[in-house]
Amino acid sequence: MEEYGGLAAVIDSRRRPKVLDTDALPENAAAELDQLVAAAVSMPMADDDGRARDAMSYTITIEDGDRVTALEQSDGAMSPAFASLLTWLRKYFA
């Protein structure tokens, strides 16, 4: 997971991506994460109305064997499913 942009971009432009290995998670947490990822992948991004110019942007990259899926959304245009996935990841990394 990568976070970038917003007003803090100037202060902390060297943020490192956060990495999660689902093999290290308890089975129930891995299953919950799988459901959140599936929902976020299937739901299109919300329309960006352009009002949140200093919005944070997020990239969540999922690697599953040879398949790589990258989800990119921002505070200004975020689907509810992506928001749920982001909330779960933030709690995990807290």
PDB file of N, CA and C in Angstrom:
ATOM      1  N   MET A   1       0.845  -1.163   0.000  1.00  0.00           N
ATOM      2  CA  MET A   1       0.000   0.000   0.000  1.00  0.00           C
ATOM      3  C   MET A   1       0.893   1.230   0.000  1.00  0.00           C
ATOM      4  N   GLU A   2       0.581   2.174  -0.882  1.00  0.00           N
ATOM      5  CA  GLU A   2       1.308   3.433  -0.935  1.00  0.00           C
ATOM      6  C   GLU A   2       0.328   4.585  -0.752  1.00  0.00           C
ATOM      7  N   GLU A   3       0.765   5.584  -0.014  1.00  0.00           N
ATOM      8  CA  GLU A   3      -0.014   6.802   0.172  1.00  0.00           C
ATOM      9  C   GLU A   3       0.838   7.958  -0.311  1.00  0.00           C
ATOM     10  N   TYR A   4       0.227   8.863  -1.084  1.00  0.00           N
ATOM     11  CA  TYR A   4       0.993  10.000  -1.568  1.00  0.00           C
ATOM     12  C   TYR A   4       0.064  11.172  -1.836  1.00  0.00           C
ATOM     13  N   GLY A   5       0.679  12.355  -1.923  1.00  0.00           N
ATOM     14  CA  GLY A   5      -0.077  13.569  -2.192  1.00  0.00           C
ATOM     15  C   GLY A   5      -0.534  14.247  -0.921  1.00  0.00           C
ATOM     16  N   GLY A   6      -1.504  15.112  -1.076  1.00  0.00           N
ATOM     17  CA  GLY A   6      -2.031  15.843   0.065  1.00  0.00           C
ATOM     18  C   GLY A   6      -1.071  16.913   0.540  1.00  0.00           C
ATOM     19  N   LEU A   7      -1.446  17.598   1.576  1.00  0.00           N
ATOM     20  CA  LEU A   7      -0.619  18.668   2.117  1.00  0.00           C
ATOM     21  C   LEU A   7       0.669  18.157   2.730  1.00  0.00           C
ATOM     22  N   ALA A   8       0.680  16.927   3.196  1.00  0.00           N
ATOM     23  CA  ALA A   8       1.871  16.368   3.838  1.00  0.00           C
ATOM     24  C   ALA A   8       2.915  15.893   2.834  1.00  0.00           C
ATOM     25  N   ALA A   9       2.628  15.959   1.552  1.00  0.00           N
ATOM     26  CA  ALA A   9       3.565  15.449   0.544  1.00  0.00           C
ATOM     27  C   ALA A   9       4.909  16.157   0.615  1.00  0.00           C
ATOM     28  N   VAL A  10       4.894  17.445   0.871  1.00  0.00           N
ATOM     29  CA  VAL A  10       6.141  18.201   0.954  1.00  0.00           C
ATOM     30  C   VAL A  10       6.930  17.794   2.189  1.00  0.00           C
ATOM     31  N   ILE A  11       6.248  17.511   3.267  1.00  0.00           N
ATOM     32  CA  ILE A  11       6.899  17.157   4.526  1.00  0.00           C
ATOM     33  C   ILE A  11       7.504  15.766   4.464  1.00  0.00           C
ATOM     34  N   ASP A  12       6.790  14.828   3.884  1.00  0.00           N
ATOM     35  CA  ASP A  12       7.228  13.431   3.898  1.00  0.00           C
ATOM     36  C   ASP A  12       7.121  12.832   2.499  1.00  0.00           C
ATOM     37  N   SER A  13       8.034  13.207   1.623  1.00  0.00           N
ATOM     38  CA  SER A  13       7.989  12.737   0.244  1.00  0.00           C
ATOM     39  C   SER A  13       8.682  11.391   0.058  1.00  0.00           C
ATOM     40  N   ARG A  14       9.249  10.836   1.134  1.00  0.00           N
ATOM     41  CA  ARG A  14       9.973   9.571   1.014  1.00  0.00           C
ATOM     42  C   ARG A  14       9.265   8.433   1.739  1.00  0.00           C
ATOM     43  N   ARG A  15       7.977   8.435   1.742  1.00  0.00           N
ATOM     44  CA  ARG A  15       7.227   7.354   2.388  1.00  0.00           C
ATOM     45  C   ARG A  15       7.480   6.046   1.662  1.00  0.00           C
ATOM     46  N   ARG A  16       7.717   5.019   2.418  1.00  0.00           N
ATOM     47  CA  ARG A  16       7.924   3.696   1.830  1.00  0.00           C
ATOM     48  C   ARG A  16       6.585   2.967   1.748  1.00  0.00           C
ATOM     49  N   PRO A  17       6.424   2.137   0.723  1.00  0.00           N
ATOM     50  CA  PRO A  17       5.198   1.334   0.649  1.00  0.00           C
ATOM     51  C   PRO A  17       5.106   0.382   1.842  1.00  0.00           C
ATOM     52  N   LYS A  18       3.907   0.112   2.264  1.00  0.00           N
ATOM     53  CA  LYS A  18       3.671  -0.857   3.339  1.00  0.00           C
ATOM     54  C   LYS A  18       3.344  -2.195   2.690  1.00  0.00           C
ATOM     55  N   VAL A  19       3.965  -3.251   3.191  1.00  0.00           N
ATOM     56  CA  VAL A  19       3.825  -4.573   2.578  1.00  0.00           C
ATOM     57  C   VAL A  19       3.213  -5.541   3.582  1.00  0.00           C
ATOM     58  N   LEU A  20       2.285  -6.346   3.107  1.00  0.00           N
ATOM     59  CA  LEU A  20       1.600  -7.332   3.931  1.00  0.00           C
ATOM     60  C   LEU A  20       1.656  -8.678   3.223  1.00  0.00           C
ATOM     61  N   ASP A  21       2.140  -9.692   3.910  1.00  0.00           N
ATOM     62  CA  ASP A  21       2.155 -11.056   3.379  1.00  0.00           C
ATOM     63  C   ASP A  21       0.976 -11.797   3.997  1.00  0.00           C
ATOM     64  N   THR A  22      -0.011 -12.126   3.193  1.00  0.00           N
ATOM     65  CA  THR A  22      -1.217 -12.760   3.734  1.00  0.00           C
ATOM     66  C   THR A  22      -0.943 -14.143   4.308  1.00  0.00           C
ATOM     67  N   ASP A  23       0.151 -14.770   3.899  1.00  0.00           N
ATOM     68  CA  ASP A  23       0.503 -16.074   4.479  1.00  0.00           C
ATOM     69  C   ASP A  23       0.826 -15.960   5.966  1.00  0.00           C
ATOM     70  N   ALA A  24       1.180 -14.751   6.417  1.00  0.00           N
ATOM     71  CA  ALA A  24       1.517 -14.535   7.820  1.00  0.00           C
ATOM     72  C   ALA A  24       0.291 -14.175   8.666  1.00  0.00           C
ATOM     73  N   LEU A  25      -0.863 -14.015   8.021  1.00  0.00           N
ATOM     74  CA  LEU A  25      -2.085 -13.644   8.741  1.00  0.00           C
ATOM     75  C   LEU A  25      -2.811 -14.875   9.265  1.00  0.00           C
ATOM     76  N   PRO A  26      -3.569 -14.700  10.349  1.00  0.00           N
ATOM     77  CA  PRO A  26      -4.476 -15.772  10.765  1.00  0.00           C
ATOM     78  C   PRO A  26      -5.474 -16.049   9.630  1.00  0.00           C
ATOM     79  N   GLU A  27      -5.967 -17.260   9.560  1.00  0.00           N
ATOM     80  CA  GLU A  27      -6.838 -17.671   8.456  1.00  0.00           C
ATOM     81  C   GLU A  27      -8.059 -16.776   8.301  1.00  0.00           C
ATOM     82  N   ASN A  28      -8.693 -16.401   9.418  1.00  0.00           N
ATOM     83  CA  ASN A  28      -9.901 -15.567   9.331  1.00  0.00           C
ATOM     84  C   ASN A  28      -9.582 -14.160   8.824  1.00  0.00           C
ATOM     85  N   ALA A  29      -8.431 -13.609   9.206  1.00  0.00           N
ATOM     86  CA  ALA A  29      -8.035 -12.282   8.736  1.00  0.00           C
ATOM     87  C   ALA A  29      -7.713 -12.322   7.245  1.00  0.00           C
ATOM     88  N   ALA A  30      -7.040 -13.375   6.793  1.00  0.00           N
ATOM     89  CA  ALA A  30      -6.722 -13.519   5.371  1.00  0.00           C
ATOM     90  C   ALA A  30      -8.000 -13.647   4.543  1.00  0.00           C
ATOM     91  N   ALA A  31      -8.981 -14.378   5.055  1.00  0.00           N
ATOM     92  CA  ALA A  31     -10.258 -14.536   4.348  1.00  0.00           C
ATOM     93  C   ALA A  31     -10.997 -13.204   4.263  1.00  0.00           C
ATOM     94  N   GLU A  32     -10.985 -12.447   5.356  1.00  0.00           N
ATOM     95  CA  GLU A  32     -11.635 -11.137   5.359  1.00  0.00           C
ATOM     96  C   GLU A  32     -10.957 -10.210   4.357  1.00  0.00           C
ATOM     97  N   LEU A  33      -9.640 -10.224   4.335  1.00  0.00           N
ATOM     98  CA  LEU A  33      -8.897  -9.392   3.393  1.00  0.00           C
ATOM     99  C   LEU A  33      -9.205  -9.802   1.953  1.00  0.00           C
ATOM    100  N   ASP A  34      -9.277 -11.087   1.676  1.00  0.00           N
ATOM    101  CA  ASP A  34      -9.628 -11.570   0.332  1.00  0.00           C
ATOM    102  C   ASP A  34     -10.987 -11.031  -0.112  1.00  0.00           C
ATOM    103  N   GLN A  35     -11.959 -11.031   0.796  1.00  0.00           N
ATOM    104  CA  GLN A  35     -13.292 -10.521   0.469  1.00  0.00           C
ATOM    105  C   GLN A  35     -13.252  -9.023   0.176  1.00  0.00           C
ATOM    106  N   LEU A  36     -12.492  -8.283   0.972  1.00  0.00           N
ATOM    107  CA  LEU A  36     -12.383  -6.838   0.764  1.00  0.00           C
ATOM    108  C   LEU A  36     -11.706  -6.519  -0.569  1.00  0.00           C
ATOM    109  N   VAL A  37     -10.661  -7.268  -0.892  1.00  0.00           N
ATOM    110  CA  VAL A  37      -9.965  -7.062  -2.166  1.00  0.00           C
ATOM    111  C   VAL A  37     -10.903  -7.367  -3.331  1.00  0.00           C
ATOM    112  N   ALA A  38     -11.616  -8.482  -3.270  1.00  0.00           N
ATOM    113  CA  ALA A  38     -12.542  -8.853  -4.347  1.00  0.00           C
ATOM    114  C   ALA A  38     -13.603  -7.774  -4.555  1.00  0.00           C
ATOM    115  N   ALA A  39     -14.118  -7.230  -3.478  1.00  0.00           N
ATOM    116  CA  ALA A  39     -15.129  -6.176  -3.585  1.00  0.00           C
ATOM    117  C   ALA A  39     -14.535  -4.910  -4.199  1.00  0.00           C
ATOM    118  N   ALA A  40     -13.329  -4.532  -3.789  1.00  0.00           N
ATOM    119  CA  ALA A  40     -12.688  -3.324  -4.310  1.00  0.00           C
ATOM    120  C   ALA A  40     -12.349  -3.466  -5.789  1.00  0.00           C
ATOM    121  N   VAL A  41     -11.932  -4.653  -6.195  1.00  0.00           N
ATOM    122  CA  VAL A  41     -11.599  -4.891  -7.603  1.00  0.00           C
ATOM    123  C   VAL A  41     -12.853  -4.799  -8.470  1.00  0.00           C
ATOM    124  N   SER A  42     -13.968  -5.290  -7.968  1.00  0.00           N
ATOM    125  CA  SER A  42     -15.194  -5.343  -8.773  1.00  0.00           C
ATOM    126  C   SER A  42     -15.969  -4.032  -8.797  1.00  0.00           C
ATOM    127  N   MET A  43     -15.659  -3.108  -7.894  1.00  0.00           N
ATOM    128  CA  MET A  43     -16.413  -1.860  -7.828  1.00  0.00           C
ATOM    129  C   MET A  43     -15.615  -0.738  -8.489  1.00  0.00           C
ATOM    130  N   PRO A  44     -16.211  -0.042  -9.460  1.00  0.00           N
ATOM    131  CA  PRO A  44     -15.485   1.039 -10.131  1.00  0.00           C
ATOM    132  C   PRO A  44     -15.234   2.218  -9.197  1.00  0.00           C
ATOM    133  N   MET A  45     -14.229   3.006  -9.571  1.00  0.00           N
ATOM    134  CA  MET A  45     -13.874   4.188  -8.797  1.00  0.00           C
ATOM    135  C   MET A  45     -15.003   5.214  -8.901  1.00  0.00           C
ATOM    136  N   ALA A  46     -15.219   5.943  -7.840  1.00  0.00           N
ATOM    137  CA  ALA A  46     -16.219   7.003  -7.835  1.00  0.00           C
ATOM    138  C   ALA A  46     -15.741   8.155  -8.720  1.00  0.00           C
ATOM    139  N   ASP A  47     -16.679   8.972  -9.194  1.00  0.00           N
ATOM    140  CA  ASP A  47     -16.320  10.123 -10.018  1.00  0.00           C
ATOM    141  C   ASP A  47     -15.568  11.150  -9.189  1.00  0.00           C
ATOM    142  N   ASP A  48     -14.522  11.712  -9.781  1.00  0.00           N
ATOM    143  CA  ASP A  48     -13.729  12.750  -9.122  1.00  0.00           C
ATOM    144  C   ASP A  48     -14.291  14.097  -9.539  1.00  0.00           C
ATOM    145  N   ASP A  49     -14.823  14.833  -8.579  1.00  0.00           N
ATOM    146  CA  ASP A  49     -15.407  16.130  -8.901  1.00  0.00           C
ATOM    147  C   ASP A  49     -14.365  17.248  -8.905  1.00  0.00           C
ATOM    148  N   GLY A  50     -13.117  16.949  -8.584  1.00  0.00           N
ATOM    149  CA  GLY A  50     -12.038  17.926  -8.645  1.00  0.00           C
ATOM    150  C   GLY A  50     -11.977  18.892  -7.480  1.00  0.00           C
ATOM    151  N   ARG A  51     -12.844  18.749  -6.504  1.00  0.00           N
ATOM    152  CA  ARG A  51     -12.858  19.695  -5.386  1.00  0.00           C
ATOM    153  C   ARG A  51     -11.779  19.425  -4.349  1.00  0.00           C
ATOM    154  N   ALA A  52     -11.247  18.236  -4.318  1.00  0.00           N
ATOM    155  CA  ALA A  52     -10.248  17.875  -3.295  1.00  0.00           C
ATOM    156  C   ALA A  52      -8.850  17.912  -3.909  1.00  0.00           C
ATOM    157  N   ARG A  53      -8.374  19.112  -4.203  1.00  0.00           N
ATOM    158  CA  ARG A  53      -7.083  19.260  -4.875  1.00  0.00           C
ATOM    159  C   ARG A  53      -5.909  18.782  -4.023  1.00  0.00           C
ATOM    160  N   ASP A  54      -6.038  18.843  -2.725  1.00  0.00           N
ATOM    161  CA  ASP A  54      -4.949  18.399  -1.840  1.00  0.00           C
ATOM    162  C   ASP A  54      -5.217  16.995  -1.291  1.00  0.00           C
ATOM    163  N   ALA A  55      -6.058  16.245  -1.987  1.00  0.00           N
ATOM    164  CA  ALA A  55      -6.446  14.910  -1.520  1.00  0.00           C
ATOM    165  C   ALA A  55      -5.269  13.945  -1.548  1.00  0.00           C
ATOM    166  N   MET A  56      -5.305  13.010  -0.627  1.00  0.00           N
ATOM    167  CA  MET A  56      -4.335  11.921  -0.632  1.00  0.00           C
ATOM    168  C   MET A  56      -4.757  10.925  -1.707  1.00  0.00           C
ATOM    169  N   SER A  57      -3.758  10.278  -2.303  1.00  0.00           N
ATOM    170  CA  SER A  57      -4.002   9.209  -3.265  1.00  0.00           C
ATOM    171  C   SER A  57      -3.402   7.932  -2.719  1.00  0.00           C
ATOM    172  N   TYR A  58      -3.963   6.806  -3.135  1.00  0.00           N
ATOM    173  CA  TYR A  58      -3.552   5.510  -2.602  1.00  0.00           C
ATOM    174  C   TYR A  58      -3.414   4.508  -3.738  1.00  0.00           C
ATOM    175  N   THR A  59      -2.383   3.707  -3.659  1.00  0.00           N
ATOM    176  CA  THR A  59      -2.215   2.581  -4.570  1.00  0.00           C
ATOM    177  C   THR A  59      -2.087   1.326  -3.726  1.00  0.00           C
ATOM    178  N   ILE A  60      -2.959   0.385  -3.968  1.00  0.00           N
ATOM    179  CA  ILE A  60      -2.900  -0.912  -3.299  1.00  0.00           C
ATOM    180  C   ILE A  60      -2.607  -1.937  -4.385  1.00  0.00           C
ATOM    181  N   THR A  61      -1.464  -2.586  -4.262  1.00  0.00           N
ATOM    182  CA  THR A  61      -1.040  -3.572  -5.251  1.00  0.00           C
ATOM    183  C   THR A  61      -1.178  -4.961  -4.654  1.00  0.00           C
ATOM    184  N   ILE A  62      -1.864  -5.826  -5.383  1.00  0.00           N
ATOM    185  CA  ILE A  62      -2.094  -7.193  -4.920  1.00  0.00           C
ATOM    186  C   ILE A  62      -1.335  -8.135  -5.847  1.00  0.00           C
ATOM    187  N   GLU A  63      -0.443  -8.911  -5.273  1.00  0.00           N
ATOM    188  CA  GLU A  63       0.295  -9.915  -6.038  1.00  0.00           C
ATOM    189  C   GLU A  63      -0.202 -11.289  -5.612  1.00  0.00           C
ATOM    190  N   ASP A  64      -0.693 -12.040  -6.578  1.00  0.00           N
ATOM    191  CA  ASP A  64      -1.214 -13.384  -6.319  1.00  0.00           C
ATOM    192  C   ASP A  64      -0.610 -14.314  -7.365  1.00  0.00           C
ATOM    193  N   GLY A  65       0.484 -14.952  -7.002  1.00  0.00           N
ATOM    194  CA  GLY A  65       1.210 -15.771  -7.972  1.00  0.00           C
ATOM    195  C   GLY A  65       1.787 -14.873  -9.047  1.00  0.00           C
ATOM    196  N   ASP A  66       1.445 -15.161 -10.297  1.00  0.00           N
ATOM    197  CA  ASP A  66       1.928 -14.355 -11.418  1.00  0.00           C
ATOM    198  C   ASP A  66       1.019 -13.169 -11.726  1.00  0.00           C
ATOM    199  N   ARG A  67      -0.120 -13.102 -11.079  1.00  0.00           N
ATOM    200  CA  ARG A  67      -1.088 -12.033 -11.343  1.00  0.00           C
ATOM    201  C   ARG A  67      -0.852 -10.850 -10.405  1.00  0.00           C
ATOM    202  N   VAL A  68      -0.788  -9.644 -11.002  1.00  0.00           N
ATOM    203  CA  VAL A  68      -0.619  -8.415 -10.228  1.00  0.00           C
ATOM    204  C   VAL A  68      -1.785  -7.488 -10.562  1.00  0.00           C
ATOM    205  N   THR A  69      -2.448  -6.997  -9.522  1.00  0.00           N
ATOM    206  CA  THR A  69      -3.556  -6.060  -9.678  1.00  0.00           C
ATOM    207  C   THR A  69      -3.228  -4.814  -8.877  1.00  0.00           C
ATOM    208  N   ALA A  70      -3.327  -3.653  -9.517  1.00  0.00           N
ATOM    209  CA  ALA A  70      -3.079  -2.390  -8.823  1.00  0.00           C
ATOM    210  C   ALA A  70      -4.377  -1.590  -8.789  1.00  0.00           C
ATOM    211  N   LEU A  71      -4.773  -1.195  -7.599  1.00  0.00           N
ATOM    212  CA  LEU A  71      -5.953  -0.363  -7.400  1.00  0.00           C
ATOM    213  C   LEU A  71      -5.477   1.025  -7.002  1.00  0.00           C
ATOM    214  N   GLU A  72      -5.930   2.050  -7.714  1.00  0.00           N
ATOM    215  CA  GLU A  72      -5.531   3.423  -7.401  1.00  0.00           C
ATOM    216  C   GLU A  72      -6.777   4.271  -7.233  1.00  0.00           C
ATOM    217  N   GLN A  73      -6.868   4.925  -6.085  1.00  0.00           N
ATOM    218  CA  GLN A  73      -7.982   5.836  -5.843  1.00  0.00           C
ATOM    219  C   GLN A  73      -7.492   6.962  -4.946  1.00  0.00           C
ATOM    220  N   SER A  74      -8.341   7.961  -4.762  1.00  0.00           N
ATOM    221  CA  SER A  74      -7.957   9.107  -3.938  1.00  0.00           C
ATOM    222  C   SER A  74      -9.103   9.485  -3.009  1.00  0.00           C
ATOM    223  N   ASP A  75      -8.786  10.361  -2.068  1.00  0.00           N
ATOM    224  CA  ASP A  75      -9.822  10.844  -1.154  1.00  0.00           C
ATOM    225  C   ASP A  75     -10.939  11.551  -1.922  1.00  0.00           C
ATOM    226  N   GLY A  76     -10.612  12.135  -3.076  1.00  0.00           N
ATOM    227  CA  GLY A  76     -11.602  12.851  -3.868  1.00  0.00           C
ATOM    228  C   GLY A  76     -12.484  11.951  -4.702  1.00  0.00           C
ATOM    229  N   ALA A  77     -12.056  10.720  -4.923  1.00  0.00           N
ATOM    230  CA  ALA A  77     -12.826   9.781  -5.748  1.00  0.00           C
ATOM    231  C   ALA A  77     -12.532   8.372  -5.267  1.00  0.00           C
ATOM    232  N   MET A  78     -13.318   7.912  -4.310  1.00  0.00           N
ATOM    233  CA  MET A  78     -13.059   6.603  -3.712  1.00  0.00           C
ATOM    234  C   MET A  78     -14.359   5.819  -3.595  1.00  0.00           C
ATOM    235  N   SER A  79     -14.337   4.592  -4.079  1.00  0.00           N
ATOM    236  CA  SER A  79     -15.515   3.738  -3.948  1.00  0.00           C
ATOM    237  C   SER A  79     -15.645   3.280  -2.492  1.00  0.00           C
ATOM    238  N   PRO A  80     -16.848   2.957  -2.060  1.00  0.00           N
ATOM    239  CA  PRO A  80     -17.024   2.447  -0.699  1.00  0.00           C
ATOM    240  C   PRO A  80     -16.218   1.169  -0.445  1.00  0.00           C
ATOM    241  N   ALA A  81     -16.104   0.308  -1.446  1.00  0.00           N
ATOM    242  CA  ALA A  81     -15.351  -0.941  -1.271  1.00  0.00           C
ATOM    243  C   ALA A  81     -13.863  -0.661  -1.091  1.00  0.00           C
ATOM    244  N   PHE A  82     -13.323   0.287  -1.854  1.00  0.00           N
ATOM    245  CA  PHE A  82     -11.913   0.651  -1.697  1.00  0.00           C
ATOM    246  C   PHE A  82     -11.697   1.272  -0.317  1.00  0.00           C
ATOM    247  N   ALA A  83     -12.630   2.106   0.122  1.00  0.00           N
ATOM    248  CA  ALA A  83     -12.528   2.731   1.445  1.00  0.00           C
ATOM    249  C   ALA A  83     -12.507   1.672   2.544  1.00  0.00           C
ATOM    250  N   SER A  84     -13.320   0.640   2.407  1.00  0.00           N
ATOM    251  CA  SER A  84     -13.330  -0.442   3.402  1.00  0.00           C
ATOM    252  C   SER A  84     -12.002  -1.185   3.423  1.00  0.00           C
ATOM    253  N   LEU A  85     -11.452  -1.455   2.245  1.00  0.00           N
ATOM    254  CA  LEU A  85     -10.149  -2.120   2.154  1.00  0.00           C
ATOM    255  C   LEU A  85      -9.062  -1.248   2.767  1.00  0.00           C
ATOM    256  N   LEU A  86      -9.075   0.035   2.455  1.00  0.00           N
ATOM    257  CA  LEU A  86      -8.085   0.966   2.995  1.00  0.00           C
ATOM    258  C   LEU A  86      -8.181   1.037   4.520  1.00  0.00           C
ATOM    259  N   THR A  87      -9.386   1.086   5.052  1.00  0.00           N
ATOM    260  CA  THR A  87      -9.587   1.114   6.504  1.00  0.00           C
ATOM    261  C   THR A  87      -9.024  -0.143   7.150  1.00  0.00           C
ATOM    262  N   TRP A  88      -9.278  -1.304   6.555  1.00  0.00           N
ATOM    263  CA  TRP A  88      -8.755  -2.569   7.087  1.00  0.00           C
ATOM    264  C   TRP A  88      -7.230  -2.540   7.101  1.00  0.00           C
ATOM    265  N   LEU A  89      -6.628  -2.105   6.004  1.00  0.00           N
ATOM    266  CA  LEU A  89      -5.164  -2.059   5.923  1.00  0.00           C
ATOM    267  C   LEU A  89      -4.577  -1.074   6.930  1.00  0.00           C
ATOM    268  N   ARG A  90      -5.216   0.072   7.081  1.00  0.00           N
ATOM    269  CA  ARG A  90      -4.713   1.055   8.059  1.00  0.00           C
ATOM    270  C   ARG A  90      -4.749   0.487   9.474  1.00  0.00           C
ATOM    271  N   LYS A  91      -5.804  -0.234   9.817  1.00  0.00           N
ATOM    272  CA  LYS A  91      -5.872  -0.855  11.147  1.00  0.00           C
ATOM    273  C   LYS A  91      -4.772  -1.895  11.303  1.00  0.00           C
ATOM    274  N   TYR A  92      -4.520  -2.661  10.254  1.00  0.00           N
ATOM    275  CA  TYR A  92      -3.474  -3.685  10.317  1.00  0.00           C
ATOM    276  C   TYR A  92      -2.100  -3.040  10.516  1.00  0.00           C
ATOM    277  N   PHE A  93      -1.821  -1.966   9.789  1.00  0.00           N
ATOM    278  CA  PHE A  93      -0.506  -1.329   9.849  1.00  0.00           C
ATOM    279  C   PHE A  93      -0.348  -0.389  11.040  1.00  0.00           C
ATOM    280  N   ALA A  94      -1.428  -0.124  11.772  1.00  0.00           N
ATOM    281  CA  ALA A  94      -1.358   0.810  12.915  1.00  0.00           C
ATOM    282  C   ALA A  94      -0.507   0.262  14.038  1.00  0.00           C
TER     283      ALA A  94
END
